[in-house]
């Protein structure tokens, strides 16, 4: 068994407005001279450490936790789970 680092990325669904991302893009990026940047979307990043026997087990544990504890709203958000590494 190892300790896995797992990143959880929670974003608004693509069809939903993202006022924070829009403000960053309009008031900072565009005014800062980065006209080649076409859009910015904000997201929330959670980093967890979980004891598991495999990468898949770590991912499944975090997925179950996010759904059971309602860490994100599946109607409004997408949740992406990435296992980043293991510490033995």
Protein backbone atom coordinates (compact mmCIF):
# COMPACT_ATOMS: atom_id res chain seq x y z
CA UNK A 1 0.00 0.00 0.00
CA UNK A 2 1.22 3.48 -0.86
CA UNK A 3 0.13 7.06 -0.34
CA UNK A 4 -1.09 8.61 -3.57
CA UNK A 5 -1.33 12.31 -4.35
CA UNK A 6 -4.59 13.00 -6.16
CA UNK A 7 -5.70 16.27 -7.73
CA UNK A 8 -9.39 17.10 -7.98
CA UNK A 9 -10.30 19.83 -10.46
CA UNK A 10 -13.79 21.31 -10.16
CA UNK A 11 -14.93 23.54 -13.04
CA UNK A 12 -18.17 25.09 -14.20
CA UNK A 13 -19.67 23.10 -17.06
CA UNK A 14 -18.74 24.50 -20.49
CA UNK A 15 -22.21 25.98 -21.09
CA UNK A 16 -22.23 27.78 -17.71
CA UNK A 17 -20.94 31.33 -17.36
CA UNK A 18 -17.69 31.82 -15.49
CA UNK A 19 -17.71 35.39 -14.12
CA UNK A 20 -14.33 35.00 -12.38
CA UNK A 21 -12.62 33.69 -15.53
CA UNK A 22 -14.31 36.35 -17.67
CA UNK A 23 -13.12 39.13 -15.34
CA UNK A 24 -9.54 37.83 -15.29
CA UNK A 25 -9.54 37.61 -19.08
CA UNK A 26 -11.14 41.02 -19.71
CA UNK A 27 -9.54 43.13 -16.95
CA UNK A 28 -6.08 41.57 -16.68
CA UNK A 29 -5.16 39.48 -19.69
CA UNK A 30 -6.57 41.66 -22.47
CA UNK A 31 -5.53 44.93 -20.82
CA UNK A 32 -2.09 43.43 -20.20
CA UNK A 33 -1.50 43.01 -23.91
CA UNK A 34 -2.08 39.27 -24.30
CA UNK A 35 -4.50 39.48 -27.22
CA UNK A 36 -3.59 35.99 -28.41
CA UNK A 37 -5.26 34.52 -25.29
CA UNK A 38 -8.85 33.90 -26.39
CA UNK A 39 -10.49 32.95 -23.08
CA UNK A 40 -9.87 32.06 -19.43
CA UNK A 41 -11.91 29.62 -17.33
CA UNK A 42 -11.43 29.44 -13.58
CA UNK A 43 -11.46 26.22 -11.57
CA UNK A 44 -10.99 24.98 -8.04
CA UNK A 45 -8.08 22.61 -7.35
CA UNK A 46 -8.11 20.26 -4.38
CA UNK A 47 -5.07 18.09 -3.63
CA UNK A 48 -5.56 15.00 -1.48
CA UNK A 49 -3.28 12.28 -0.19
CA UNK A 50 -4.92 8.86 0.04
CA UNK A 51 -3.70 5.45 1.13
CA UNK A 52 -4.48 2.88 -1.55
CA UNK A 53 -3.19 -0.35 -3.04
CA UNK A 54 -3.14 1.02 -6.60
CA UNK A 55 -3.59 4.18 -8.65
CA UNK A 56 -7.04 3.00 -9.73
CA UNK A 57 -8.04 2.34 -6.10
CA UNK A 58 -6.91 5.86 -5.12
CA UNK A 59 -8.89 7.39 -7.98
CA UNK A 60 -12.01 5.37 -7.11
CA UNK A 61 -11.79 6.34 -3.43
CA UNK A 62 -11.60 10.06 -4.27
CA UNK A 63 -14.38 9.77 -6.87
CA UNK A 64 -16.64 8.08 -4.32
CA UNK A 65 -15.76 10.70 -1.67
CA UNK A 66 -16.52 13.61 -4.03
CA UNK A 67 -19.90 12.16 -4.95
CA UNK A 68 -21.01 10.94 -1.51
CA UNK A 69 -19.97 14.13 0.30
CA UNK A 70 -21.26 16.42 -2.50
CA UNK A 71 -17.92 18.20 -2.81
CA UNK A 72 -19.14 19.44 -6.19
CA UNK A 73 -22.53 19.99 -7.77
CA UNK A 74 -22.84 17.56 -10.71
CA UNK A 75 -25.56 19.73 -12.28
CA UNK A 76 -23.32 22.80 -12.53
CA UNK A 77 -19.77 21.43 -12.39
CA UNK A 78 -17.44 18.88 -13.90
CA UNK A 79 -15.02 17.04 -11.67
CA UNK A 80 -11.73 15.72 -13.03
CA UNK A 81 -9.60 13.42 -10.89
CA UNK A 82 -5.90 12.93 -11.65
CA UNK A 83 -3.55 10.69 -9.70
CA UNK A 84 -0.20 12.47 -9.66
CA UNK A 85 2.10 10.02 -7.91
CA UNK A 86 2.78 7.64 -5.06
CA UNK A 87 4.93 7.87 -1.97
CA UNK A 88 5.98 4.47 -0.64
